[in-house]
Amino acid sequence: MRSYKKQIFDNHEAKNCVGSSKDRAPTNGGWIELWERETGRSRRTCSFLGCSEDAEVGGHIFVRDDQGRPIKKIFIAAICYSCNNSKPEYFGLKKNTACVEIID
């Protein structure tokens, strides 16, 4: 059974997990509902730097550590529809971005 862990990132880089649409959320409200429950936050704006759109979905992302190395885990972040369908390369996350680590 999966478990989840809240992580906070400050100005790290992240990119979308290509092909993650097959991974179904464990709640009827989708990944964004799980993100809200696990982080204790309400969705606001997209987690990617430079984007001011509403965070509408919980998107699967990969994150780089402080030294720029990919963290070999999948996280859920509150992001907008547009960024969820783009960002194939690493792009900055906003300061104090809450993500949910998926632990298999």
PDB file of N, CA and C in Angstrom:
ATOM      1  N   MET A   1       0.832  -1.179   0.000  1.00  0.00           N
ATOM      2  CA  MET A   1       0.000   0.000   0.000  1.00  0.00           C
ATOM      3  C   MET A   1       0.881   1.248   0.000  1.00  0.00           C
ATOM      4  N   ARG A   2       0.476   2.223  -0.773  1.00  0.00           N
ATOM      5  CA  ARG A   2       1.233   3.468  -0.864  1.00  0.00           C
ATOM      6  C   ARG A   2       1.081   4.305   0.387  1.00  0.00           C
ATOM      7  N   SER A   3       2.113   5.087   0.648  1.00  0.00           N
ATOM      8  CA  SER A   3       2.026   6.094   1.691  1.00  0.00           C
ATOM      9  C   SER A   3       2.572   7.394   1.113  1.00  0.00           C
ATOM     10  N   TYR A   4       2.419   8.468   1.870  1.00  0.00           N
ATOM     11  CA  TYR A   4       2.755   9.792   1.362  1.00  0.00           C
ATOM     12  C   TYR A   4       3.475  10.584   2.436  1.00  0.00           C
ATOM     13  N   LYS A   5       4.361  11.478   1.996  1.00  0.00           N
ATOM     14  CA  LYS A   5       5.140  12.275   2.927  1.00  0.00           C
ATOM     15  C   LYS A   5       5.278  13.691   2.380  1.00  0.00           C
ATOM     16  N   LYS A   6       4.975  14.669   3.206  1.00  0.00           N
ATOM     17  CA  LYS A   6       5.092  16.076   2.819  1.00  0.00           C
ATOM     18  C   LYS A   6       6.562  16.486   2.788  1.00  0.00           C
ATOM     19  N   GLN A   7       6.930  17.219   1.747  1.00  0.00           N
ATOM     20  CA  GLN A   7       8.278  17.769   1.598  1.00  0.00           C
ATOM     21  C   GLN A   7       8.138  19.238   1.208  1.00  0.00           C
ATOM     22  N   ILE A   8       9.016  20.075   1.716  1.00  0.00           N
ATOM     23  CA  ILE A   8       9.038  21.496   1.357  1.00  0.00           C
ATOM     24  C   ILE A   8      10.303  21.773   0.555  1.00  0.00           C
ATOM     25  N   PHE A   9      10.140  22.460  -0.577  1.00  0.00           N
ATOM     26  CA  PHE A   9      11.265  22.818  -1.435  1.00  0.00           C
ATOM     27  C   PHE A   9      11.350  24.333  -1.569  1.00  0.00           C
ATOM     28  N   ASP A  10      12.556  24.861  -1.514  1.00  0.00           N
ATOM     29  CA  ASP A  10      12.801  26.291  -1.678  1.00  0.00           C
ATOM     30  C   ASP A  10      13.625  26.529  -2.928  1.00  0.00           C
ATOM     31  N   ASN A  11      12.965  26.997  -3.955  1.00  0.00           N
ATOM     32  CA  ASN A  11      13.625  27.367  -5.212  1.00  0.00           C
ATOM     33  C   ASN A  11      14.369  26.202  -5.868  1.00  0.00           C
ATOM     34  N   HIS A  12      13.900  24.992  -5.692  1.00  0.00           N
ATOM     35  CA  HIS A  12      14.460  23.839  -6.388  1.00  0.00           C
ATOM     36  C   HIS A  12      13.924  23.829  -7.815  1.00  0.00           C
ATOM     37  N   GLU A  13      14.487  22.969  -8.642  1.00  0.00           N
ATOM     38  CA  GLU A  13      13.996  22.795 -10.000  1.00  0.00           C
ATOM     39  C   GLU A  13      13.221  21.488 -10.089  1.00  0.00           C
ATOM     40  N   ALA A  14      12.218  21.485 -10.963  1.00  0.00           N
ATOM     41  CA  ALA A  14      11.386  20.296 -11.145  1.00  0.00           C
ATOM     42  C   ALA A  14      10.936  20.206 -12.596  1.00  0.00           C
ATOM     43  N   LYS A  15      10.478  19.024 -12.977  1.00  0.00           N
ATOM     44  CA  LYS A  15       9.890  18.829 -14.302  1.00  0.00           C
ATOM     45  C   LYS A  15       8.782  17.791 -14.178  1.00  0.00           C
ATOM     46  N   ASN A  16       7.903  17.789 -15.163  1.00  0.00           N
ATOM     47  CA  ASN A  16       6.798  16.825 -15.169  1.00  0.00           C
ATOM     48  C   ASN A  16       7.297  15.410 -15.396  1.00  0.00           C
ATOM     49  N   CYS A  17       6.578  14.457 -14.834  1.00  0.00           N
ATOM     50  CA  CYS A  17       6.813  13.039 -15.099  1.00  0.00           C
ATOM     51  C   CYS A  17       5.994  12.683 -16.343  1.00  0.00           C
ATOM     52  N   VAL A  18       6.650  12.463 -17.439  1.00  0.00           N
ATOM     53  CA  VAL A  18       5.963  12.103 -18.675  1.00  0.00           C
ATOM     54  C   VAL A  18       5.370  10.702 -18.531  1.00  0.00           C
ATOM     55  N   GLY A  19       4.104  10.558 -18.901  1.00  0.00           N
ATOM     56  CA  GLY A  19       3.443   9.259 -18.850  1.00  0.00           C
ATOM     57  C   GLY A  19       2.776   8.944 -17.526  1.00  0.00           C
ATOM     58  N   SER A  20       2.690   9.916 -16.635  1.00  0.00           N
ATOM     59  CA  SER A  20       2.120   9.652 -15.311  1.00  0.00           C
ATOM     60  C   SER A  20       0.593   9.667 -15.291  1.00  0.00           C
ATOM     61  N   SER A  21      -0.050  10.005 -16.404  1.00  0.00           N
ATOM     62  CA  SER A  21      -1.517  10.088 -16.422  1.00  0.00           C
ATOM     63  C   SER A  21      -2.177   8.740 -16.139  1.00  0.00           C
ATOM     64  N   LYS A  22      -1.441   7.657 -16.293  1.00  0.00           N
ATOM     65  CA  LYS A  22      -1.989   6.319 -16.004  1.00  0.00           C
ATOM     66  C   LYS A  22      -2.088   6.061 -14.498  1.00  0.00           C
ATOM     67  N   ASP A  23      -1.357   6.832 -13.716  1.00  0.00           N
ATOM     68  CA  ASP A  23      -1.337   6.665 -12.261  1.00  0.00           C
ATOM     69  C   ASP A  23      -2.568   7.344 -11.671  1.00  0.00           C
ATOM     70  N   ARG A  24      -3.511   6.562 -11.212  1.00  0.00           N
ATOM     71  CA  ARG A  24      -4.778   7.081 -10.695  1.00  0.00           C
ATOM     72  C   ARG A  24      -4.666   7.462  -9.226  1.00  0.00           C
ATOM     73  N   ALA A  25      -5.297   8.580  -8.898  1.00  0.00           N
ATOM     74  CA  ALA A  25      -5.304   9.063  -7.516  1.00  0.00           C
ATOM     75  C   ALA A  25      -6.128   8.141  -6.626  1.00  0.00           C
ATOM     76  N   PRO A  26      -5.751   8.023  -5.365  1.00  0.00           N
ATOM     77  CA  PRO A  26      -6.476   7.162  -4.438  1.00  0.00           C
ATOM     78  C   PRO A  26      -7.754   7.797  -3.900  1.00  0.00           C
ATOM     79  N   THR A  27      -8.058   9.041  -4.311  1.00  0.00           N
ATOM     80  CA  THR A  27      -9.270   9.716  -3.849  1.00  0.00           C
ATOM     81  C   THR A  27     -10.110  10.136  -5.040  1.00  0.00           C
ATOM     82  N   ASN A  28     -11.411  10.291  -4.832  1.00  0.00           N
ATOM     83  CA  ASN A  28     -12.302  10.741  -5.907  1.00  0.00           C
ATOM     84  C   ASN A  28     -11.995  12.163  -6.345  1.00  0.00           C
ATOM     85  N   GLY A  29     -11.421  12.964  -5.458  1.00  0.00           N
ATOM     86  CA  GLY A  29     -11.081  14.345  -5.773  1.00  0.00           C
ATOM     87  C   GLY A  29      -9.768  14.493  -6.515  1.00  0.00           C
ATOM     88  N   GLY A  30      -9.137  13.382  -6.830  1.00  0.00           N
ATOM     89  CA  GLY A  30      -7.903  13.412  -7.596  1.00  0.00           C
ATOM     90  C   GLY A  30      -6.679  13.745  -6.762  1.00  0.00           C
ATOM     91  N   TRP A  31      -5.569  13.933  -7.465  1.00  0.00           N
ATOM     92  CA  TRP A  31      -4.290  14.187  -6.815  1.00  0.00           C
ATOM     93  C   TRP A  31      -4.271  15.515  -6.082  1.00  0.00           C
ATOM     94  N   ILE A  32      -5.031  16.511  -6.564  1.00  0.00           N
ATOM     95  CA  ILE A  32      -5.038  17.810  -5.885  1.00  0.00           C
ATOM     96  C   ILE A  32      -5.683  17.686  -4.508  1.00  0.00           C
ATOM     97  N   GLU A  33      -6.705  16.851  -4.389  1.00  0.00           N
ATOM     98  CA  GLU A  33      -7.326  16.626  -3.080  1.00  0.00           C
ATOM     99  C   GLU A  33      -6.342  15.929  -2.137  1.00  0.00           C
ATOM    100  N   LEU A  34      -5.619  14.949  -2.643  1.00  0.00           N
ATOM    101  CA  LEU A  34      -4.606  14.278  -1.832  1.00  0.00           C
ATOM    102  C   LEU A  34      -3.528  15.272  -1.410  1.00  0.00           C
ATOM    103  N   TRP A  35      -3.096  16.130  -2.334  1.00  0.00           N
ATOM    104  CA  TRP A  35      -2.087  17.145  -2.026  1.00  0.00           C
ATOM    105  C   TRP A  35      -2.566  18.048  -0.899  1.00  0.00           C
ATOM    106  N   GLU A  36      -3.815  18.513  -0.972  1.00  0.00           N
ATOM    107  CA  GLU A  36      -4.360  19.388   0.073  1.00  0.00           C
ATOM    108  C   GLU A  36      -4.403  18.676   1.429  1.00  0.00           C
ATOM    109  N   ARG A  37      -4.842  17.439   1.428  1.00  0.00           N
ATOM    110  CA  ARG A  37      -4.933  16.674   2.671  1.00  0.00           C
ATOM    111  C   ARG A  37      -3.557  16.438   3.287  1.00  0.00           C
ATOM    112  N   GLU A  38      -2.589  16.031   2.472  1.00  0.00           N
ATOM    113  CA  GLU A  38      -1.268  15.671   2.987  1.00  0.00           C
ATOM    114  C   GLU A  38      -0.412  16.876   3.363  1.00  0.00           C
ATOM    115  N   THR A  39      -0.624  18.015   2.705  1.00  0.00           N
ATOM    116  CA  THR A  39       0.182  19.203   3.014  1.00  0.00           C
ATOM    117  C   THR A  39      -0.493  20.110   4.038  1.00  0.00           C
ATOM    118  N   GLY A  40      -1.806  19.977   4.197  1.00  0.00           N
ATOM    119  CA  GLY A  40      -2.543  20.871   5.087  1.00  0.00           C
ATOM    120  C   GLY A  40      -2.700  22.265   4.505  1.00  0.00           C
ATOM    121  N   ARG A  41      -2.485  22.402   3.208  1.00  0.00           N
ATOM    122  CA  ARG A  41      -2.594  23.692   2.523  1.00  0.00           C
ATOM    123  C   ARG A  41      -3.780  23.679   1.559  1.00  0.00           C
ATOM    124  N   SER A  42      -4.193  24.879   1.182  1.00  0.00           N
ATOM    125  CA  SER A  42      -5.205  25.037   0.140  1.00  0.00           C
ATOM    126  C   SER A  42      -4.494  25.438  -1.141  1.00  0.00           C
ATOM    127  N   ARG A  43      -4.962  24.928  -2.246  1.00  0.00           N
ATOM    128  CA  ARG A  43      -4.327  25.286  -3.522  1.00  0.00           C
ATOM    129  C   ARG A  43      -4.520  26.765  -3.805  1.00  0.00           C
ATOM    130  N   ARG A  44      -3.514  27.343  -4.377  1.00  0.00           N
ATOM    131  CA  ARG A  44      -3.579  28.748  -4.750  1.00  0.00           C
ATOM    132  C   ARG A  44      -3.069  28.886  -6.184  1.00  0.00           C
ATOM    133  N   THR A  45      -1.849  29.397  -6.330  1.00  0.00           N
ATOM    134  CA  THR A  45      -1.288  29.529  -7.674  1.00  0.00           C
ATOM    135  C   THR A  45      -0.338  28.366  -7.947  1.00  0.00           C
ATOM    136  N   CYS A  46      -0.049  28.188  -9.209  1.00  0.00           N
ATOM    137  CA  CYS A  46       0.836  27.125  -9.674  1.00  0.00           C
ATOM    138  C   CYS A  46       2.186  27.188  -8.954  1.00  0.00           C
ATOM    139  N   SER A  47       2.761  26.041  -8.694  1.00  0.00           N
ATOM    140  CA  SER A  47       4.030  25.939  -7.962  1.00  0.00           C
ATOM    141  C   SER A  47       5.257  26.295  -8.794  1.00  0.00           C
ATOM    142  N   PHE A  48       5.122  26.396 -10.119  1.00  0.00           N
ATOM    143  CA  PHE A  48       6.273  26.710 -10.963  1.00  0.00           C
ATOM    144  C   PHE A  48       6.547  28.213 -10.996  1.00  0.00           C
ATOM    145  N   LEU A  49       7.825  28.577 -10.908  1.00  0.00           N
ATOM    146  CA  LEU A  49       8.243  29.982 -10.974  1.00  0.00           C
ATOM    147  C   LEU A  49       7.741  30.636 -12.250  1.00  0.00           C
ATOM    148  N   GLY A  50       7.301  31.873 -12.113  1.00  0.00           N
ATOM    149  CA  GLY A  50       6.867  32.628 -13.276  1.00  0.00           C
ATOM    150  C   GLY A  50       5.439  32.365 -13.703  1.00  0.00           C
ATOM    151  N   CYS A  51       4.761  31.420 -13.079  1.00  0.00           N
ATOM    152  CA  CYS A  51       3.376  31.112 -13.442  1.00  0.00           C
ATOM    153  C   CYS A  51       2.444  31.666 -12.359  1.00  0.00           C
ATOM    154  N   SER A  52       1.434  32.414 -12.788  1.00  0.00           N
ATOM    155  CA  SER A  52       0.479  32.990 -11.836  1.00  0.00           C
ATOM    156  C   SER A  52      -0.921  32.402 -12.007  1.00  0.00           C
ATOM    157  N   GLU A  53      -1.014  31.321 -12.771  1.00  0.00           N
ATOM    158  CA  GLU A  53      -2.306  30.663 -12.974  1.00  0.00           C
ATOM    159  C   GLU A  53      -2.724  29.910 -11.712  1.00  0.00           C
ATOM    160  N   ASP A  54      -4.025  29.648 -11.590  1.00  0.00           N
ATOM    161  CA  ASP A  54      -4.542  28.874 -10.462  1.00  0.00           C
ATOM    162  C   ASP A  54      -4.013  27.448 -10.500  1.00  0.00           C
ATOM    163  N   ALA A  55      -3.676  26.911  -9.337  1.00  0.00           N
ATOM    164  CA  ALA A  55      -3.269  25.506  -9.222  1.00  0.00           C
ATOM    165  C   ALA A  55      -4.541  24.664  -9.257  1.00  0.00           C
ATOM    166  N   GLU A  56      -4.743  23.960 -10.354  1.00  0.00           N
ATOM    167  CA  GLU A  56      -5.984  23.208 -10.570  1.00  0.00           C
ATOM    168  C   GLU A  56      -5.824  21.710 -10.412  1.00  0.00           C
ATOM    169  N   VAL A  57      -4.587  21.227 -10.512  1.00  0.00           N
ATOM    170  CA  VAL A  57      -4.356  19.782 -10.462  1.00  0.00           C
ATOM    171  C   VAL A  57      -3.156  19.460  -9.579  1.00  0.00           C
ATOM    172  N   GLY A  58      -3.110  18.230  -9.142  1.00  0.00           N
ATOM    173  CA  GLY A  58      -1.929  17.710  -8.484  1.00  0.00           C
ATOM    174  C   GLY A  58      -1.119  16.983  -9.543  1.00  0.00           C
ATOM    175  N   GLY A  59      -0.007  17.547  -9.922  1.00  0.00           N
ATOM    176  CA  GLY A  59       0.800  16.982 -10.997  1.00  0.00           C
ATOM    177  C   GLY A  59       1.983  16.195 -10.479  1.00  0.00           C
ATOM    178  N   HIS A  60       2.299  15.099 -11.161  1.00  0.00           N
ATOM    179  CA  HIS A  60       3.478  14.285 -10.839  1.00  0.00           C
ATOM    180  C   HIS A  60       4.715  15.010 -11.364  1.00  0.00           C
ATOM    181  N   ILE A  61       5.704  15.198 -10.477  1.00  0.00           N
ATOM    182  CA  ILE A  61       6.934  15.885 -10.878  1.00  0.00           C
ATOM    183  C   ILE A  61       8.163  15.157 -10.342  1.00  0.00           C
ATOM    184  N   PHE A  62       9.286  15.394 -11.004  1.00  0.00           N
ATOM    185  CA  PHE A  62      10.606  15.015 -10.513  1.00  0.00           C
ATOM    186  C   PHE A  62      11.268  16.299 -10.022  1.00  0.00           C
ATOM    187  N   VAL A  63      12.049  16.224  -8.949  1.00  0.00           N
ATOM    188  CA  VAL A  63      12.703  17.394  -8.353  1.00  0.00           C
ATOM    189  C   VAL A  63      14.209  17.147  -8.293  1.00  0.00           C
ATOM    190  N   ARG A  64      14.972  18.219  -8.477  1.00  0.00           N
ATOM    191  CA  ARG A  64      16.423  18.166  -8.286  1.00  0.00           C
ATOM    192  C   ARG A  64      16.761  18.593  -6.860  1.00  0.00           C
ATOM    193  N   ASP A  65      17.825  18.013  -6.298  1.00  0.00           N
ATOM    194  CA  ASP A  65      18.259  18.391  -4.952  1.00  0.00           C
ATOM    195  C   ASP A  65      19.041  19.706  -4.993  1.00  0.00           C
ATOM    196  N   ASP A  66      19.586  20.119  -3.846  1.00  0.00           N
ATOM    197  CA  ASP A  66      20.317  21.390  -3.741  1.00  0.00           C
ATOM    198  C   ASP A  66      21.542  21.462  -4.645  1.00  0.00           C
ATOM    199  N   GLN A  67      22.108  20.310  -4.985  1.00  0.00           N
ATOM    200  CA  GLN A  67      23.276  20.280  -5.864  1.00  0.00           C
ATOM    201  C   GLN A  67      22.900  20.070  -7.334  1.00  0.00           C
ATOM    202  N   GLY A  68      21.609  20.083  -7.636  1.00  0.00           N
ATOM    203  CA  GLY A  68      21.157  19.941  -9.014  1.00  0.00           C
ATOM    204  C   GLY A  68      21.020  18.509  -9.495  1.00  0.00           C
ATOM    205  N   ARG A  69      21.157  17.541  -8.583  1.00  0.00           N
ATOM    206  CA  ARG A  69      21.014  16.129  -8.950  1.00  0.00           C
ATOM    207  C   ARG A  69      19.552  15.711  -8.832  1.00  0.00           C
ATOM    208  N   PRO A  70      19.044  14.934  -9.781  1.00  0.00           N
ATOM    209  CA  PRO A  70      17.660  14.470  -9.686  1.00  0.00           C
ATOM    210  C   PRO A  70      17.447  13.598  -8.446  1.00  0.00           C
ATOM    211  N   ILE A  71      16.372  13.871  -7.725  1.00  0.00           N
ATOM    212  CA  ILE A  71      15.964  13.031  -6.601  1.00  0.00           C
ATOM    213  C   ILE A  71      15.167  11.887  -7.210  1.00  0.00           C
ATOM    214  N   LYS A  72      15.509  10.673  -6.907  1.00  0.00           N
ATOM    215  CA  LYS A  72      14.890   9.519  -7.563  1.00  0.00           C
ATOM    216  C   LYS A  72      13.582   9.125  -6.883  1.00  0.00           C
ATOM    217  N   LYS A  73      12.676  10.103  -6.799  1.00  0.00           N
ATOM    218  CA  LYS A  73      11.360   9.912  -6.206  1.00  0.00           C
ATOM    219  C   LYS A  73      10.360  10.714  -7.017  1.00  0.00           C
ATOM    220  N   ILE A  74       9.093  10.358  -6.902  1.00  0.00           N
ATOM    221  CA  ILE A  74       8.033  11.109  -7.572  1.00  0.00           C
ATOM    222  C   ILE A  74       7.275  11.902  -6.518  1.00  0.00           C
ATOM    223  N   PHE A  75       6.989  13.153  -6.856  1.00  0.00           N
ATOM    224  CA  PHE A  75       6.266  14.053  -5.969  1.00  0.00           C
ATOM    225  C   PHE A  75       5.002  14.559  -6.662  1.00  0.00           C
ATOM    226  N   ILE A  76       4.031  14.970  -5.853  1.00  0.00           N
ATOM    227  CA  ILE A  76       2.829  15.635  -6.351  1.00  0.00           C
ATOM    228  C   ILE A  76       2.931  17.098  -5.937  1.00  0.00           C
ATOM    229  N   ALA A  77       2.733  18.005  -6.892  1.00  0.00           N
ATOM    230  CA  ALA A  77       2.736  19.440  -6.623  1.00  0.00           C
ATOM    231  C   ALA A  77       1.437  20.036  -7.136  1.00  0.00           C
ATOM    232  N   ALA A  78       1.017  21.122  -6.532  1.00  0.00           N
ATOM    233  CA  ALA A  78      -0.167  21.855  -6.987  1.00  0.00           C
ATOM    234  C   ALA A  78       0.252  22.725  -8.163  1.00  0.00           C
ATOM    235  N   ILE A  79      -0.244  22.399  -9.357  1.00  0.00           N
ATOM    236  CA  ILE A  79       0.140  23.146 -10.559  1.00  0.00           C
ATOM    237  C   ILE A  79      -1.087  23.406 -11.433  1.00  0.00           C
ATOM    238  N   CYS A  80      -0.925  24.287 -12.398  1.00  0.00           N
ATOM    239  CA  CYS A  80      -2.022  24.616 -13.316  1.00  0.00           C
ATOM    240  C   CYS A  80      -2.078  23.591 -14.455  1.00  0.00           C
ATOM    241  N   TYR A  81      -3.183  23.598 -15.184  1.00  0.00           N
ATOM    242  CA  TYR A  81      -3.342  22.670 -16.310  1.00  0.00           C
ATOM    243  C   TYR A  81      -2.253  22.866 -17.355  1.00  0.00           C
ATOM    244  N   SER A  82      -1.941  24.123 -17.645  1.00  0.00           N
ATOM    245  CA  SER A  82      -0.949  24.404 -18.688  1.00  0.00           C
ATOM    246  C   SER A  82       0.424  23.838 -18.332  1.00  0.00           C
ATOM    247  N   CYS A  83       0.881  24.103 -17.107  1.00  0.00           N
ATOM    248  CA  CYS A  83       2.193  23.590 -16.686  1.00  0.00           C
ATOM    249  C   CYS A  83       2.178  22.070 -16.549  1.00  0.00           C
ATOM    250  N   ASN A  84       1.028  21.504 -16.243  1.00  0.00           N
ATOM    251  CA  ASN A  84       0.923  20.049 -16.137  1.00  0.00           C
ATOM    252  C   ASN A  84       1.093  19.379 -17.504  1.00  0.00           C
ATOM    253  N   ASN A  85       0.846  20.117 -18.557  1.00  0.00           N
ATOM    254  CA  ASN A  85       0.972  19.574 -19.906  1.00  0.00           C
ATOM    255  C   ASN A  85       2.202  20.099 -20.632  1.00  0.00           C
ATOM    256  N   SER A  86       3.107  20.718 -19.884  1.00  0.00           N
ATOM    257  CA  SER A  86       4.365  21.202 -20.460  1.00  0.00           C
ATOM    258  C   SER A  86       5.466  20.910 -19.443  1.00  0.00           C
ATOM    259  N   LYS A  87       6.483  21.710 -19.411  1.00  0.00           N
ATOM    260  CA  LYS A  87       7.611  21.560 -18.489  1.00  0.00           C
ATOM    261  C   LYS A  87       8.324  20.210 -18.632  1.00  0.00           C
ATOM    262  N   PRO A  88       8.701  19.830 -19.870  1.00  0.00           N
ATOM    263  CA  PRO A  88       9.441  18.574 -20.042  1.00  0.00           C
ATOM    264  C   PRO A  88      10.893  18.684 -19.572  1.00  0.00           C
ATOM    265  N   GLU A  89      11.372  19.917 -19.386  1.00  0.00           N
ATOM    266  CA  GLU A  89      12.719  20.162 -18.883  1.00  0.00           C
ATOM    267  C   GLU A  89      12.602  20.709 -17.467  1.00  0.00           C
ATOM    268  N   TYR A  90      13.692  20.679 -16.735  1.00  0.00           N
ATOM    269  CA  TYR A  90      13.676  21.210 -15.370  1.00  0.00           C
ATOM    270  C   TYR A  90      13.429  22.708 -15.386  1.00  0.00           C
ATOM    271  N   PHE A  91      12.581  23.149 -14.458  1.00  0.00           N
ATOM    272  CA  PHE A  91      12.172  24.540 -14.346  1.00  0.00           C
ATOM    273  C   PHE A  91      12.034  24.843 -12.860  1.00  0.00           C
ATOM    274  N   GLY A  92      12.220  26.067 -12.442  1.00  0.00           N
ATOM    275  CA  GLY A  92      12.211  26.425 -11.034  1.00  0.00           C
ATOM    276  C   GLY A  92      10.864  26.273 -10.346  1.00  0.00           C
ATOM    277  N   LEU A  93      10.913  25.854  -9.084  1.00  0.00           N
ATOM    278  CA  LEU A  93       9.743  25.860  -8.212  1.00  0.00           C
ATOM    279  C   LEU A  93       9.808  27.109  -7.340  1.00  0.00           C
ATOM    280  N   LYS A  94       8.653  27.594  -6.933  1.00  0.00           N
ATOM    281  CA  LYS A  94       8.597  28.748  -6.055  1.00  0.00           C
ATOM    282  C   LYS A  94       9.124  28.403  -4.662  1.00  0.00           C
ATOM    283  N   LYS A  95       9.554  29.424  -3.937  1.00  0.00           N
ATOM    284  CA  LYS A  95      10.032  29.258  -2.565  1.00  0.00           C
ATOM    285  C   LYS A  95       8.917  28.687  -1.697  1.00  0.00           C
ATOM    286  N   ASN A  96       9.275  27.779  -0.799  1.00  0.00           N
ATOM    287  CA  ASN A  96       8.346  27.177   0.155  1.00  0.00           C
ATOM    288  C   ASN A  96       7.236  26.371  -0.531  1.00  0.00           C
ATOM    289  N   THR A  97       7.598  25.671  -1.606  1.00  0.00           N
ATOM    290  CA  THR A  97       6.634  24.836  -2.310  1.00  0.00           C
ATOM    291  C   THR A  97       6.451  23.518  -1.561  1.00  0.00           C
ATOM    292  N   ALA A  98       5.206  23.243  -1.214  1.00  0.00           N
ATOM    293  CA  ALA A  98       4.879  21.968  -0.554  1.00  0.00           C
ATOM    294  C   ALA A  98       4.586  20.920  -1.622  1.00  0.00           C
ATOM    295  N   CYS A  99       5.226  19.783  -1.504  1.00  0.00           N
ATOM    296  CA  CYS A  99       4.993  18.655  -2.394  1.00  0.00           C
ATOM    297  C   CYS A  99       4.716  17.420  -1.548  1.00  0.00           C
ATOM    298  N   VAL A 100       4.129  16.441  -2.178  1.00  0.00           N
ATOM    299  CA  VAL A 100       3.849  15.182  -1.508  1.00  0.00           C
ATOM    300  C   VAL A 100       4.648  14.093  -2.191  1.00  0.00           C
ATOM    301  N   GLU A 101       5.529  13.463  -1.440  1.00  0.00           N
ATOM    302  CA  GLU A 101       6.314  12.342  -1.963  1.00  0.00           C
ATOM    303  C   GLU A 101       5.429  11.101  -1.992  1.00  0.00           C
ATOM    304  N   ILE A 102       5.448  10.390  -3.111  1.00  0.00           N
ATOM    305  CA  ILE A 102       4.734   9.121  -3.227  1.00  0.00           C
ATOM    306  C   ILE A 102       5.708   8.024  -2.838  1.00  0.00           C
ATOM    307  N   ILE A 103       5.358   7.269  -1.805  1.00  0.00           N
ATOM    308  CA  ILE A 103       6.198   6.187  -1.330  1.00  0.00           C
ATOM    309  C   ILE A 103       5.505   4.879  -1.672  1.00  0.00           C
ATOM    310  N   ASP A 104       6.123   4.105  -2.555  1.00  0.00           N
ATOM    311  CA  ASP A 104       5.538   2.810  -2.965  1.00  0.00           C
ATOM    312  C   ASP A 104       5.945   1.710  -2.040  1.00  0.00           C
TER     313      ASP A 104
END
